[in-house]
């Protein structure tokens, strides 16, 4: 009998748990450890943040579902990793602490045969002084509770505009090394459309602020794409979208301090500037959770497991940007020291930036971090689960299932306004996620035909269909596994 423990119940953790439970017999244990009681479909936070969808529509409680499906659930947070056990426990374990009920504060050693670290990122708001969701007129859409607060703040500003007061809206990234520009891009388009729906668009100045060197970088170094019969660069497409909607932009901006209605930032020229606003939604930087790891003699071995996020089968050799290769990226998400530990999704440490690193004239690094959210999280979680399943069933290690972000595609469908007849969506499909300049030297590392962009109502319909499909899949309803990651 084997015991598989999954840390985290987001996209990666939940995908891994559901596939493990479906394919392993009940004599094997599948245990999920998460401080969150609910599963949330994060991509739909955008609609919660504009008041077009209730947060109750994008989440559901985990405990009843897991109990029904035979998955053990512990609402607790991981504290430390002990991959060799210790003097009193011979099996590897993680030390956890319960976060709810009568057991709150109680610590437990949770042993495992296989461990999947799917804890995702820490939302590192504190890395930017004053960036606190709901304070200083700044908001977030990173969680459904944040998105609820964002709608309340936006609604207040809309009411003020209806009363005749003009407003400045600022949306983008809130740190020099933020990732997830796609979520901010989707939100700014929805906010812009929502102002039109409320007939106050002429009362608002909307500005995009980002650590990107060019629009459409998205932490992936931009892309050359097919757009209908044309071939264009992603920054040309996003410029077109912003110009059409009269959205201004500030690029190469490392936001470092927030005051009430003022964002202070440094640009690549080394200039320190500020931007005032009445409402802001700024994505924070992501970081690891600061876990510690210890060997059986209680010696600190954190460096064997973590480098910010978890170390996996990537090439972390320091090298200049020009020397990195698509082959540096991991394929199995297995820790090289402790081979029964894996880290799919956002939980693994990238080997390097995808976008070209840039520093200001003052030496400040202003570069988007590599994205690993959404589709890549689900794909990598499933392949990790499949390798563990094959290993358990075969009785020997199997790493047959592989998937590098250098040979993996991703589809991003950004809503650009909610509505069955008047909605819109920006669909961008990229292949591969990490550009392969050797295989596709003439098209900026991407395969045209598989890297394309489209704008229109159909994109909104598809985004809405995916919302319902992935909630259905997450609830493990009949034939849920037929829906791809």
Protein backbone atom coordinates (compact mmCIF):
# COMPACT_ATOMS: atom_id res chain seq x y z
CA UNK A 1 0.00 0.00 0.00
CA UNK A 2 1.30 3.48 -0.90
CA UNK A 3 0.41 6.85 0.52
CA UNK A 4 0.49 9.92 -1.72
CA UNK A 5 0.28 13.31 0.00
CA UNK A 6 -0.56 16.44 -1.99
CA UNK A 7 0.14 19.85 -0.51
CA UNK A 8 -2.29 22.40 -1.87
CA UNK A 9 -5.75 22.18 -3.44
CA UNK A 10 -5.49 24.72 -6.22
CA UNK A 11 -5.48 23.81 -9.90
CA UNK A 12 -2.30 21.68 -9.71
CA UNK A 13 -3.05 20.00 -6.37
CA UNK A 14 -6.67 19.24 -7.16
CA UNK A 15 -5.85 17.88 -10.62
CA UNK A 16 -3.19 15.59 -9.16
CA UNK A 17 -5.48 14.35 -6.37
CA UNK A 18 -8.42 13.61 -8.66
CA UNK A 19 -6.36 11.65 -11.20
CA UNK A 20 -4.56 9.71 -8.45
CA UNK A 21 -7.82 8.72 -6.82
CA UNK A 22 -9.44 7.69 -10.10
CA UNK A 23 -6.55 5.48 -11.22
CA UNK A 24 -5.32 3.97 -7.95
CA UNK A 25 -7.20 1.28 -6.04
CA UNK A 26 -8.66 2.23 -2.67
CA UNK A 27 -5.92 0.29 -0.84
CA UNK A 28 -3.64 3.24 -1.67
CA UNK A 29 -4.14 6.47 0.26
CA UNK A 30 -4.52 9.87 -1.37
CA UNK A 31 -4.27 12.72 1.14
CA UNK A 32 -4.71 16.44 0.42
CA UNK A 33 -3.34 18.98 2.88
CA UNK A 34 -4.46 22.57 2.33
CA UNK A 35 -5.21 25.57 4.56
CA UNK A 36 -8.07 26.49 2.23
CA UNK A 37 -11.44 24.83 2.71
CA UNK A 38 -12.67 25.66 -0.80
CA UNK A 39 -11.59 24.94 -4.35
CA UNK A 40 -11.79 28.05 -6.54
CA UNK A 41 -11.68 28.39 -10.31
CA UNK A 42 -9.27 31.31 -10.33
CA UNK A 43 -9.72 32.46 -13.98
CA UNK A 44 -13.29 33.55 -13.20
CA UNK A 45 -12.16 35.88 -10.40
CA UNK A 46 -12.07 38.54 -13.12
CA UNK A 47 -15.85 38.46 -13.48
CA UNK A 48 -16.33 38.54 -9.72
CA UNK A 49 -14.14 41.66 -9.68
CA UNK A 50 -16.53 43.52 -12.03
CA UNK A 51 -19.70 42.35 -10.33
CA UNK A 52 -20.83 40.10 -13.19
CA UNK A 53 -20.51 36.83 -11.28
CA UNK A 54 -21.09 35.99 -7.63
CA UNK A 55 -18.06 34.50 -5.91
CA UNK A 56 -20.25 31.55 -4.82
CA UNK A 57 -20.35 30.51 -8.49
CA UNK A 58 -16.60 29.95 -8.71
CA UNK A 59 -15.86 27.92 -5.57
CA UNK A 60 -17.15 24.91 -3.66
CA UNK A 61 -16.18 23.18 -0.38
CA UNK A 62 -13.54 20.48 -0.70
CA UNK A 63 -14.28 18.30 2.34
CA UNK A 64 -17.66 16.86 1.17
CA UNK A 65 -16.34 16.09 -2.32
CA UNK A 66 -13.15 14.46 -1.06
CA UNK A 67 -15.06 12.40 1.51
CA UNK A 68 -17.42 11.14 -1.19
CA UNK A 69 -14.56 10.26 -3.55
CA UNK A 70 -12.30 8.61 -0.97
CA UNK A 71 -9.68 11.33 -0.69
CA UNK A 72 -8.55 12.22 2.83
CA UNK A 73 -8.58 15.97 3.46
CA UNK A 74 -6.71 17.83 6.18
CA UNK A 75 -7.34 21.56 6.47
CA UNK A 76 -3.86 22.44 7.61
CA UNK A 77 -0.76 24.23 6.40
CA UNK A 78 2.65 22.66 5.85
CA UNK A 79 5.36 23.93 8.16
CA UNK A 80 8.49 21.94 7.29
CA UNK A 81 9.73 19.04 5.17
CA UNK A 82 11.45 15.96 6.63
CA UNK A 83 12.27 13.76 3.60
CA UNK A 84 14.33 11.31 5.68
CA UNK A 85 12.08 11.16 8.74
CA UNK A 86 13.79 11.84 12.05
CA UNK A 87 14.99 10.03 15.16
CA UNK A 88 11.43 9.05 16.12
CA UNK A 89 9.82 8.65 12.68
CA UNK A 90 11.50 6.44 10.11
CA UNK A 91 9.24 7.42 7.22
CA UNK A 92 9.52 10.75 5.40
CA UNK A 93 6.94 13.28 6.53
CA UNK A 94 5.85 16.88 6.45
CA UNK A 95 5.08 18.73 9.66
CA UNK A 96 1.72 20.45 9.41
CA UNK A 97 -0.46 22.66 11.58
CA UNK A 98 -4.26 22.63 11.57
CA UNK A 99 -5.90 25.97 10.84
CA UNK A 100 -9.57 25.44 11.79
CA UNK A 101 -11.85 24.18 14.51
CA UNK A 102 -10.94 22.60 17.82
CA UNK A 103 -7.69 21.31 16.34
CA UNK A 104 -6.44 24.75 15.29
CA UNK A 105 -2.77 25.07 16.18
CA UNK A 106 -2.31 21.33 16.59
CA UNK A 107 0.76 20.03 14.79
CA UNK A 108 0.91 16.66 13.05
CA UNK A 109 3.53 14.59 11.28
CA UNK A 110 1.99 13.46 7.99
CA UNK A 111 4.00 10.59 6.56
CA UNK A 112 4.12 9.78 2.87
CA UNK A 113 5.55 7.48 0.26
CA UNK A 114 5.18 10.13 -2.43
CA UNK A 115 4.81 13.86 -1.93
CA UNK A 116 3.45 16.38 -4.44
CA UNK A 117 4.19 19.96 -3.50
CA UNK A 118 1.43 21.95 -5.22
CA UNK A 119 1.37 24.83 -2.76
CA UNK A 120 1.63 27.39 -5.54
CA UNK A 121 2.93 30.86 -4.72
CA UNK A 122 2.80 33.07 -1.70
CA UNK A 123 1.04 36.28 -2.74
CA UNK A 124 3.90 38.50 -1.66
CA UNK A 125 2.05 41.78 -1.17
CA UNK A 126 4.47 42.88 1.54
CA UNK A 127 7.30 43.02 -1.03
CA UNK A 128 5.76 46.33 -2.13
CA UNK A 129 5.35 48.85 0.68
CA UNK A 130 1.69 49.77 1.17
CA UNK A 131 0.32 47.21 -1.31
CA UNK A 132 -2.47 45.71 0.79
CA UNK A 133 -5.71 44.50 -0.83
CA UNK A 134 -8.54 46.81 0.17
CA UNK A 135 -6.26 49.57 1.49
CA UNK A 136 -4.83 52.71 -0.12
CA UNK A 137 -7.51 52.31 -2.82
CA UNK A 138 -5.69 49.24 -4.17
CA UNK A 139 -7.29 45.89 -4.79
CA UNK A 140 -6.49 42.40 -6.04
CA UNK A 141 -8.28 39.66 -7.98
CA UNK A 142 -5.91 36.86 -6.95
CA UNK A 143 -8.57 35.18 -4.77
CA UNK A 144 -12.36 35.28 -4.80
CA UNK A 145 -12.44 37.25 -1.53
CA UNK A 146 -10.03 39.78 -3.03
CA UNK A 147 -12.22 39.97 -6.14
CA UNK A 148 -15.33 40.60 -4.01
CA UNK A 149 -13.54 43.54 -2.38
CA UNK A 150 -12.36 44.80 -5.76
CA UNK A 151 -15.93 44.97 -7.05
CA UNK A 152 -17.03 46.91 -3.98
CA UNK A 153 -14.23 49.41 -4.56
CA UNK A 154 -14.93 49.68 -8.28
CA UNK A 155 -18.66 50.03 -7.69
CA UNK A 156 -18.03 52.96 -5.35
CA UNK A 157 -15.91 54.70 -7.98
CA UNK A 158 -18.58 54.08 -10.65
CA UNK A 159 -21.20 55.66 -8.38
CA UNK A 160 -18.94 58.66 -7.89
CA UNK A 161 -18.53 59.02 -11.65
CA UNK A 162 -22.30 58.87 -12.09
CA UNK A 163 -22.48 61.74 -9.61
CA UNK A 164 -20.14 63.78 -11.82
CA UNK A 165 -16.69 63.08 -10.36
CA UNK A 166 -13.98 62.06 -12.82
CA UNK A 167 -11.74 59.13 -11.88
CA UNK A 168 -8.32 57.70 -12.65
CA UNK A 169 -8.04 53.91 -12.79
CA UNK A 170 -4.68 52.12 -12.65
CA UNK A 171 -4.35 48.40 -13.37
CA UNK A 172 -1.29 46.20 -13.88
CA UNK A 173 1.63 44.88 -11.84
CA UNK A 174 2.55 46.04 -8.36
CA UNK A 175 6.19 44.93 -8.23
CA UNK A 176 9.27 45.00 -10.45
CA UNK A 177 9.25 41.18 -10.73
CA UNK A 178 5.53 40.41 -10.80
CA UNK A 179 4.12 37.73 -13.07
CA UNK A 180 0.50 37.04 -14.09
CA UNK A 181 0.24 40.07 -16.39
CA UNK A 182 -2.47 38.13 -18.21
CA UNK A 183 -4.87 38.40 -15.26
CA UNK A 184 -4.32 42.15 -15.02
CA UNK A 185 -4.72 42.50 -18.80
CA UNK A 186 -8.03 40.64 -18.64
CA UNK A 187 -9.22 42.76 -15.74
CA UNK A 188 -8.40 46.10 -17.35
CA UNK A 189 -10.40 45.15 -20.47
CA UNK A 190 -13.37 44.08 -18.36
CA UNK A 191 -13.25 47.22 -16.24
CA UNK A 192 -13.12 49.37 -19.37
CA UNK A 193 -16.18 47.61 -20.80
CA UNK A 194 -18.00 47.77 -17.47
CA UNK A 195 -17.60 51.55 -17.42
CA UNK A 196 -19.22 51.61 -20.85
CA UNK A 197 -22.06 49.47 -19.56
CA UNK A 198 -22.64 52.03 -16.80
CA UNK A 199 -22.34 54.96 -19.26
CA UNK A 200 -19.42 56.53 -17.40
CA UNK A 201 -16.52 55.64 -19.71
CA UNK A 202 -16.03 59.31 -20.61
CA UNK A 203 -15.51 60.10 -16.91
CA UNK A 204 -12.52 57.78 -16.48
CA UNK A 205 -8.87 57.82 -17.46
CA UNK A 206 -7.62 54.21 -17.56
CA UNK A 207 -3.90 53.42 -17.39
CA UNK A 208 -1.99 50.15 -17.66
CA UNK A 209 1.21 49.97 -15.59
CA UNK A 210 3.55 47.02 -16.02
CA UNK A 211 7.07 45.74 -15.53
CA UNK A 212 6.98 44.51 -19.14
CA UNK A 213 9.44 46.04 -21.61
CA UNK A 214 6.75 45.88 -24.30
CA UNK A 215 3.01 45.33 -24.24
CA UNK A 216 2.09 41.68 -24.74
CA UNK A 217 5.28 40.36 -23.15
CA UNK A 218 3.26 38.45 -20.50
CA UNK A 219 6.49 37.12 -18.99
CA UNK A 220 7.04 35.01 -22.13
CA UNK A 221 9.21 37.48 -24.08
CA UNK A 222 6.26 38.31 -26.28
CA UNK A 223 5.54 36.32 -29.40
CA UNK A 224 5.16 36.43 -33.16
CA UNK A 225 1.66 35.23 -33.97
CA UNK A 226 -0.86 34.62 -36.69
CA UNK A 227 -3.74 37.09 -36.62
CA UNK A 228 -6.22 36.16 -39.30
CA UNK A 229 -4.30 36.32 -42.57
CA UNK A 230 -1.66 38.55 -40.98
CA UNK A 231 1.46 37.89 -38.97
CA UNK A 232 2.05 40.33 -36.14
CA UNK A 233 3.92 40.69 -32.89
CA UNK A 234 1.99 40.40 -29.65
CA UNK A 235 2.87 43.96 -28.66
CA UNK A 236 1.30 45.21 -31.90
CA UNK A 237 -1.90 43.33 -31.12
CA UNK A 238 -2.13 44.62 -27.54
CA UNK A 239 -1.29 48.17 -28.63
CA UNK A 240 -4.15 47.94 -31.12
CA UNK A 241 -6.53 46.73 -28.41
CA UNK A 242 -5.49 49.45 -25.95
CA UNK A 243 -5.60 52.23 -28.54
CA UNK A 244 -9.05 51.11 -29.65
CA UNK A 245 -10.25 51.38 -26.04
CA UNK A 246 -8.30 54.55 -25.19
CA UNK A 247 -6.21 52.82 -22.51
CA UNK A 248 -2.90 54.53 -21.75
CA UNK A 249 0.18 52.55 -20.73
CA UNK A 250 3.33 52.83 -18.63
CA UNK A 251 5.96 50.15 -19.28
CA UNK A 252 9.21 49.05 -17.66
CA UNK A 253 7.79 50.15 -14.31
CA UNK A 254 8.89 48.63 -11.01
CA UNK A 255 6.27 49.71 -8.48
CA UNK A 256 7.93 49.82 -5.04
CA UNK A 257 5.63 51.88 -2.81
CA UNK A 258 1.90 52.54 -2.53
CA UNK A 259 0.34 55.44 -0.68
CA UNK A 260 -3.32 56.38 -0.55
CA UNK A 261 -4.11 56.94 -4.23
CA UNK A 262 -0.46 57.14 -5.37
CA UNK A 263 1.75 54.43 -6.89
CA UNK A 264 5.48 55.14 -6.76
CA UNK A 265 7.64 53.40 -9.34
CA UNK A 266 11.07 53.32 -10.91
CA UNK A 267 11.46 52.98 -14.66
CA UNK A 268 14.27 51.52 -16.73
CA UNK A 269 15.80 54.96 -17.16
CA UNK A 270 16.30 55.01 -13.40
CA UNK A 271 13.72 57.76 -12.94
CA UNK A 272 11.52 57.70 -9.86
CA UNK A 273 7.97 58.66 -10.75
CA UNK A 274 4.47 58.40 -9.35
CA UNK A 275 0.99 57.84 -10.73
CA UNK A 276 -2.15 58.96 -8.93
CA UNK A 277 -5.37 56.96 -9.04
CA UNK A 278 -8.83 56.61 -7.52
CA UNK A 279 -8.96 52.83 -7.98
CA UNK A 280 -6.09 50.42 -8.61
CA UNK A 281 -5.77 46.68 -9.11
CA UNK A 282 -2.12 45.67 -8.94
CA UNK A 283 -0.82 42.09 -9.13
CA UNK A 284 1.76 41.40 -6.38
CA UNK A 285 4.99 39.49 -6.79
CA UNK A 286 4.87 35.74 -6.21
CA UNK A 287 7.32 34.00 -3.92
CA UNK A 288 7.90 30.64 -2.31
CA UNK A 289 6.34 29.99 1.08
CA UNK A 290 9.64 29.96 2.96
CA UNK A 291 9.47 26.28 3.90
CA UNK A 292 12.38 24.71 5.77
CA UNK A 293 13.65 21.15 5.31
CA UNK A 294 15.59 18.92 7.72
CA UNK A 295 17.36 15.57 7.49
CA UNK A 296 16.93 12.69 9.95
CA UNK A 297 19.46 14.31 12.32
CA UNK A 298 17.55 17.60 12.27
CA UNK A 299 20.19 19.30 10.11
CA UNK A 300 18.90 22.07 7.87
CA UNK A 301 18.85 20.81 4.25
CA UNK A 302 16.56 23.47 2.81
CA UNK A 303 19.00 24.14 -0.05
CA UNK A 304 18.44 20.58 -1.33
CA UNK A 305 14.74 21.18 -1.77
CA UNK A 306 14.21 24.88 -2.26
CA UNK A 307 15.60 27.78 -4.19
CA UNK A 308 12.74 30.12 -3.41
CA UNK A 309 10.32 27.62 -4.94
CA UNK A 310 11.07 23.87 -5.07
CA UNK A 311 14.08 22.52 -6.96
CA UNK A 312 13.18 20.05 -9.71
CA UNK A 313 14.85 18.44 -12.75
CA UNK A 314 15.83 21.72 -14.38
CA UNK A 315 19.30 23.03 -15.24
CA UNK A 316 19.97 25.72 -12.67
CA UNK A 317 23.54 26.36 -13.80
CA UNK A 318 24.12 30.13 -13.71
CA UNK A 319 24.50 31.45 -17.24
CA UNK A 320 23.91 34.67 -19.16
CA UNK A 321 20.52 35.13 -20.78
CA UNK A 322 21.97 34.59 -24.24
CA UNK A 323 23.26 31.15 -23.21
CA UNK A 324 20.07 29.68 -21.77
CA UNK A 325 18.29 26.96 -23.69
CA UNK A 326 14.79 25.55 -23.87
CA UNK A 327 16.43 22.31 -22.68
CA UNK A 328 17.08 23.93 -19.28
CA UNK A 329 13.42 23.52 -18.38
CA UNK A 330 12.16 20.54 -16.31
CA UNK A 331 10.27 17.59 -17.76
CA UNK A 332 9.21 15.47 -14.77
CA UNK A 333 9.12 18.04 -11.91
CA UNK A 334 10.95 15.57 -9.66
CA UNK A 335 13.35 16.75 -6.97
CA UNK A 336 16.83 15.43 -7.91
CA UNK A 337 17.82 14.62 -4.31
CA UNK A 338 14.59 13.12 -2.98
CA UNK A 339 13.01 11.36 -5.93
CA UNK A 340 9.66 10.71 -4.27
CA UNK A 341 9.00 14.47 -4.11
CA UNK A 342 7.52 16.42 -7.03
CA UNK A 343 6.51 20.04 -7.62
CA UNK A 344 4.17 20.80 -10.56
CA UNK A 345 2.49 24.10 -11.41
CA UNK A 346 3.77 27.29 -9.83
CA UNK A 347 5.54 25.40 -7.02
CA UNK A 348 8.74 24.66 -8.96
CA UNK A 349 11.68 27.01 -9.37
CA UNK A 350 12.13 28.17 -12.99
CA UNK A 351 15.70 27.81 -14.28
CA UNK A 352 15.73 31.37 -15.61
CA UNK A 353 13.59 34.21 -16.85
CA UNK A 354 11.81 33.73 -20.15
CA UNK A 355 11.63 37.45 -20.87
CA UNK A 356 14.97 39.14 -21.37
CA UNK A 357 16.19 40.40 -17.97
CA UNK A 358 16.44 44.16 -17.76
CA UNK A 359 17.75 46.41 -15.03
CA UNK A 360 17.22 50.12 -14.53
CA UNK A 361 20.14 52.53 -14.69
CA UNK A 362 20.13 52.26 -10.90
CA UNK A 363 20.60 48.47 -11.07
CA UNK A 364 17.02 47.53 -10.15
CA UNK A 365 15.83 44.32 -11.83
CA UNK A 366 12.58 45.12 -13.64
CA UNK A 367 11.66 41.86 -15.38
CA UNK A 368 8.44 39.80 -15.46
CA UNK A 369 8.78 36.41 -13.76
CA UNK A 370 7.91 33.32 -15.85
CA UNK A 371 4.18 32.40 -15.82
CA UNK A 372 3.23 28.84 -14.83
CA UNK A 373 -0.46 29.29 -14.06
CA UNK A 374 -3.63 27.80 -15.54
CA UNK A 375 -3.13 25.28 -18.31
CA UNK A 376 0.57 24.51 -17.51
CA UNK A 377 -0.38 23.86 -13.88
CA UNK A 378 -2.99 21.29 -14.86
CA UNK A 379 -0.81 19.57 -17.45
CA UNK A 380 2.24 19.26 -15.19
CA UNK A 381 0.11 18.06 -12.27
CA UNK A 382 -1.44 15.31 -14.37
CA UNK A 383 1.89 14.05 -15.69
CA UNK A 384 3.32 13.96 -12.16
CA UNK A 385 0.26 12.00 -10.99
CA UNK A 386 0.57 9.59 -13.92
CA UNK A 387 4.25 8.92 -13.18
CA UNK A 388 3.46 8.18 -9.53
CA UNK A 389 0.58 5.91 -10.59
CA UNK A 390 2.83 3.99 -12.99
CA UNK A 391 5.54 3.69 -10.35
CA UNK A 392 3.12 2.34 -7.75
CA UNK A 393 1.49 -0.11 -10.14
CA UNK A 394 4.77 -1.25 -11.70
CA UNK A 395 6.74 -1.53 -8.49
CA UNK A 396 9.67 0.48 -9.88
CA UNK A 397 10.29 4.12 -10.73
CA UNK A 398 8.65 5.24 -13.95
CA UNK A 399 9.10 8.70 -15.44
CA UNK A 400 7.57 7.92 -18.80
CA UNK A 401 5.27 10.94 -18.74
CA UNK A 402 7.17 14.13 -19.55
CA UNK A 403 6.22 17.65 -20.41
CA UNK A 404 8.57 20.61 -20.64
CA UNK A 405 7.18 24.11 -21.02
CA UNK A 406 9.58 24.18 -23.96
CA UNK A 407 7.43 21.66 -25.86
CA UNK A 408 4.08 22.52 -24.28
CA UNK A 409 1.49 24.89 -25.64
CA UNK A 410 -0.94 27.05 -23.70
CA UNK A 411 -4.21 28.72 -24.56
CA UNK A 412 -5.14 31.94 -22.79
CA UNK A 413 -8.64 33.28 -23.31
CA UNK A 414 -8.95 36.72 -21.76
CA UNK A 415 -12.46 38.02 -21.33
CA UNK A 416 -12.72 41.56 -22.64
CA UNK A 417 -16.25 42.32 -21.49
CA UNK A 418 -19.01 40.12 -20.09
CA UNK A 419 -22.23 39.44 -22.02
CA UNK A 420 -23.77 36.73 -24.18
CA UNK A 421 -24.46 39.14 -27.03
CA UNK A 422 -22.11 42.05 -26.34
CA UNK A 423 -19.23 40.29 -24.63
CA UNK A 424 -15.80 39.89 -26.14
CA UNK A 425 -12.68 37.87 -25.63
CA UNK A 426 -9.02 37.97 -26.61
CA UNK A 427 -7.81 34.47 -27.42
CA UNK A 428 -4.05 33.89 -27.53
CA UNK A 429 -2.57 30.45 -28.09
CA UNK A 430 1.17 29.99 -27.70
CA UNK A 431 3.36 27.08 -28.75
CA UNK A 432 5.71 26.49 -27.10
CA UNK A 433 5.39 28.50 -23.88
CA UNK A 434 9.16 28.79 -23.54
CA UNK A 435 10.41 29.88 -26.97
CA UNK A 436 12.60 27.41 -28.83
CA UNK A 437 14.93 29.58 -30.90
CA UNK A 438 16.77 26.58 -32.31
CA UNK A 439 13.67 24.86 -33.67
CA UNK A 440 11.86 28.04 -34.74
CA UNK A 441 14.66 30.55 -35.42
CA UNK A 442 12.74 32.66 -37.94
CA UNK A 443 9.55 33.08 -35.90
CA UNK A 444 10.98 34.20 -32.54
CA UNK A 445 10.98 30.69 -31.08
CA UNK A 446 7.31 29.91 -31.70
CA UNK A 447 5.44 27.85 -34.29
CA UNK A 448 3.12 29.98 -36.38
CA UNK A 449 -0.28 28.39 -36.82
CA UNK A 450 -0.13 27.13 -33.26
CA UNK A 451 0.69 30.63 -31.99
CA UNK A 452 -2.18 32.93 -32.89
CA UNK A 453 -4.51 35.61 -31.64
CA UNK A 454 -8.19 36.36 -32.18
CA UNK A 455 -10.63 38.94 -30.83
CA UNK A 456 -14.41 38.69 -30.71
CA UNK A 457 -17.62 37.47 -29.13
CA UNK A 458 -16.68 33.82 -29.76
CA UNK A 459 -13.78 34.22 -27.33
CA UNK A 460 -16.17 35.28 -24.59
CA UNK A 461 -18.46 32.33 -25.28
CA UNK A 462 -15.49 29.97 -25.08
CA UNK A 463 -14.29 31.54 -21.84
CA UNK A 464 -17.77 31.12 -20.33
CA UNK A 465 -18.00 27.54 -21.59
CA UNK A 466 -14.63 26.75 -20.01
CA UNK A 467 -15.82 28.19 -16.69
CA UNK A 468 -18.69 25.71 -16.56
CA UNK A 469 -16.63 22.83 -17.96
CA UNK A 470 -13.82 23.17 -15.44
CA UNK A 471 -16.15 23.61 -12.48
CA UNK A 472 -17.87 20.40 -13.65
CA UNK A 473 -14.49 18.70 -13.98
CA UNK A 474 -13.29 19.90 -10.57
CA UNK A 475 -16.45 18.52 -8.95
CA UNK A 476 -15.57 15.11 -10.45
CA UNK A 477 -18.94 14.69 -12.09
CA UNK A 478 -19.60 11.81 -14.55
CA UNK A 479 -16.81 11.41 -17.13
CA UNK A 480 -15.01 14.48 -15.79
CA UNK A 481 -11.64 13.05 -16.90
CA UNK A 482 -12.62 13.40 -20.57
CA UNK A 483 -12.23 17.20 -20.24
CA UNK A 484 -8.56 17.98 -21.03
CA UNK A 485 -6.35 20.05 -18.77
